[in-house]
C-alpha atoms as a PDB file:
ATOM      1  CA  MET A   1      -7.158  12.300  16.825  1.00  0.00           C
ATOM      2  CA  LYS A   2      -4.794  12.382  13.754  1.00  0.00           C
ATOM      3  CA  ASP A   3      -4.542  10.318  10.658  1.00  0.00           C
ATOM      4  CA  LYS A   4      -1.802   7.675  10.961  1.00  0.00           C
ATOM      5  CA  TRP A   5       0.680   7.884   8.174  1.00  0.00           C
ATOM      6  CA  PHE A   6       2.629   4.847   6.872  1.00  0.00           C
ATOM      7  CA  ARG A   7       5.891   4.618   8.826  1.00  0.00           C
ATOM      8  CA  LYS A   8       8.008   2.014  10.199  1.00  0.00           C
ATOM      9  CA  GLY A   9       6.035   0.084  12.789  1.00  0.00           C
ATOM     10  CA  ILE A  10       2.707   0.496  11.543  1.00  0.00           C
ATOM     11  CA  GLU A  11       0.358  -2.466  11.823  1.00  0.00           C
ATOM     12  CA  LEU A  12      -2.654  -2.944   9.689  1.00  0.00           C
ATOM     13  CA  THR A  13      -5.658  -4.884  10.410  1.00  0.00           C
ATOM     14  CA  GLU A  14      -6.713  -7.662   7.931  1.00  0.00           C
ATOM     15  CA  ALA A  15      -9.327  -5.486   6.401  1.00  0.00           C
ATOM     16  CA  GLN A  16      -6.865  -2.500   5.950  1.00  0.00           C
ATOM     17  CA  THR A  17      -4.300  -4.753   4.241  1.00  0.00           C
ATOM     18  CA  GLU A  18      -7.028  -6.025   1.846  1.00  0.00           C
ATOM     19  CA  GLU A  19      -8.039  -2.464   1.218  1.00  0.00           C
ATOM     20  CA  MET A  20      -4.493  -1.438   0.498  1.00  0.00           C
ATOM     21  CA  VAL A  21      -4.027  -4.506  -1.915  1.00  0.00           C
ATOM     22  CA  ASN A  22      -7.247  -3.625  -3.753  1.00  0.00           C
ATOM     23  CA  MET A  23      -6.089  -0.045  -4.120  1.00  0.00           C
ATOM     24  CA  LEU A  24      -2.747  -1.250  -5.618  1.00  0.00           C
ATOM     25  CA  THR A  25      -4.255  -3.901  -7.834  1.00  0.00           C
ATOM     26  CA  LYS A  26      -7.496  -2.520  -9.248  1.00  0.00           C
ATOM     27  CA  ARG A  27      -8.321  -4.297 -12.444  1.00  0.00           C
ATOM     28  CA  CYS A  28      -5.305  -6.619 -12.037  1.00  0.00           C
ATOM     29  CA  LYS A  29      -5.458 -10.434 -12.200  1.00  0.00           C
ATOM     30  CA  GLU A  30      -5.499 -12.591  -9.018  1.00  0.00           C
ATOM     31  CA  TYR A  31      -1.949 -13.475  -9.719  1.00  0.00           C
ATOM     32  CA  THR A  32      -0.751  -9.829  -9.279  1.00  0.00           C
ATOM     33  CA  LYS A  33      -3.007  -9.497  -6.279  1.00  0.00           C
ATOM     34  CA  GLY A  34      -1.289 -12.352  -4.605  1.00  0.00           C
ATOM     35  CA  ARG A  35       2.217 -10.974  -5.455  1.00  0.00           C
ATOM     36  CA  ILE A  36       1.330  -7.605  -3.934  1.00  0.00           C
ATOM     37  CA  ARG A  37      -0.619  -9.074  -0.803  1.00  0.00           C
ATOM     38  CA  SER A  38       2.333 -11.084   0.330  1.00  0.00           C
ATOM     39  CA  PRO A  39       5.049  -8.506   0.929  1.00  0.00           C
ATOM     40  CA  ILE A  40       2.487  -6.133   2.367  1.00  0.00           C
ATOM     41  CA  THR A  41       1.224  -8.625   4.730  1.00  0.00           C
ATOM     42  CA  TYR A  42       4.717 -10.025   5.829  1.00  0.00           C
ATOM     43  CA  ASP A  43       7.180  -7.305   5.369  1.00  0.00           C
ATOM     44  CA  LEU A  44       5.413  -3.830   5.293  1.00  0.00           C
ATOM     45  CA  ASP A  45       8.118  -2.205   7.369  1.00  0.00           C
ATOM     46  CA  THR A  46      10.942  -2.969   4.871  1.00  0.00           C
ATOM     47  CA  LEU A  47       8.617  -1.821   2.090  1.00  0.00           C
ATOM     48  CA  ILE A  48       8.048   1.376   3.685  1.00  0.00           C
ATOM     49  CA  GLU A  49      11.638   2.003   4.187  1.00  0.00           C
ATOM     50  CA  LYS A  50      12.593   1.176   0.583  1.00  0.00           C
ATOM     51  CA  HIS A  51       9.849   2.940  -1.341  1.00  0.00           C
ATOM     52  CA  TRP A  52       8.704   6.419  -1.269  1.00  0.00           C
ATOM     53  CA  GLY A  53       5.225   5.772  -2.411  1.00  0.00           C
ATOM     54  CA  LEU A  54       4.153   3.719   0.480  1.00  0.00           C
ATOM     55  CA  ARG A  55       4.870   6.654   2.826  1.00  0.00           C
ATOM     56  CA  ARG A  56       1.968   8.415   0.995  1.00  0.00           C
ATOM     57  CA  PHE A  57      -0.637   5.931   2.447  1.00  0.00           C
ATOM     58  CA  TYR A  58      -2.231   6.760   5.662  1.00  0.00           C
ATOM     59  CA  ILE A  59      -5.132   5.390   7.906  1.00  0.00           C
ATOM     60  CA  SER A  60      -7.722   8.014   8.413  1.00  0.00           C
ATOM     61  CA  HIS A  61      -8.949   8.684  11.937  1.00  0.00           C
ATOM     62  CA  THR A  62     -12.592   9.259  10.807  1.00  0.00           C
ATOM     63  CA  ASP A  63     -13.308   5.885   9.277  1.00  0.00           C
ATOM     64  CA  ASN A  64     -10.151   3.904  10.074  1.00  0.00           C
ATOM     65  CA  ASP A  65      -9.671   3.018   6.350  1.00  0.00           C
ATOM     66  CA  VAL A  66      -6.575   3.138   4.168  1.00  0.00           C
ATOM     67  CA  HIS A  67      -6.094   6.022   1.908  1.00  0.00           C
ATOM     68  CA  TYR A  68      -3.523   7.347  -0.528  1.00  0.00           C
ATOM     69  CA  CYS A  69      -2.484  10.987  -0.665  1.00  0.00           C
ATOM     70  CA  VAL A  70      -2.070  11.712  -4.469  1.00  0.00           C
ATOM     71  CA  GLY A  71       0.809  13.800  -5.843  1.00  0.00           C
ATOM     72  CA  GLN A  72       0.380  14.368  -9.490  1.00  0.00           C
ATOM     73  CA  CYS A  73      -1.543  11.500 -10.969  1.00  0.00           C
ATOM     74  CA  GLN A  74      -2.984   8.779  -8.882  1.00  0.00           C
ATOM     75  CA  ILE A  75      -3.285   6.277 -11.709  1.00  0.00           C
ATOM     76  CA  SER A  76       0.336   6.538 -12.613  1.00  0.00           C
ATOM     77  CA  GLU A  77       1.618   6.504  -9.175  1.00  0.00           C
ATOM     78  CA  ILE A  78      -0.350   3.507  -8.046  1.00  0.00           C
ATOM     79  CA  LYS A  79       0.797   1.674 -11.111  1.00  0.00           C
ATOM     80  CA  GLU A  80       4.545   2.764 -10.405  1.00  0.00           C
ATOM     81  CA  ILE A  81       4.256   1.587  -6.727  1.00  0.00           C
ATOM     82  CA  ARG A  82       2.787  -1.809  -7.904  1.00  0.00           C
ATOM     83  CA  ASN A  83       5.458  -2.305 -10.568  1.00  0.00           C
ATOM     84  CA  ASP A  84       8.219  -1.460  -8.174  1.00  0.00           C
ATOM     85  CA  LEU A  85       6.969  -3.886  -5.514  1.00  0.00           C
ATOM     86  CA  MET A  86       6.551  -6.633  -8.191  1.00  0.00           C
ATOM     87  CA  ARG A  87      10.314  -5.949  -9.116  1.00  0.00           C
ATOM     88  CA  MET A  88      11.387  -5.961  -5.530  1.00  0.00           C
ATOM     89  CA  PHE A  89       9.626  -9.363  -4.648  1.00  0.00           C
ATOM     90  CA  PRO A  90       9.700 -11.359  -7.934  1.00  0.00           C
END
């Protein structure tokens, strides 16, 4: 089996969605978590097409959890993705 990279048409379980939201909103307030959770839950395909960072997430075949493939700096990349999502969905 292979890891499933986020591409158009991917479906997440509720636990995987929550895990992704937690990754993107670590140390954020509940308001921010809600703003990120909504588009990920209801419009993930559009987000994946519009934002490069979401194509770096994948579902591991070993534990079926969501993971992020880091480029240079995970902290700054996650923050950029979070801020971009909040700008896309005010």
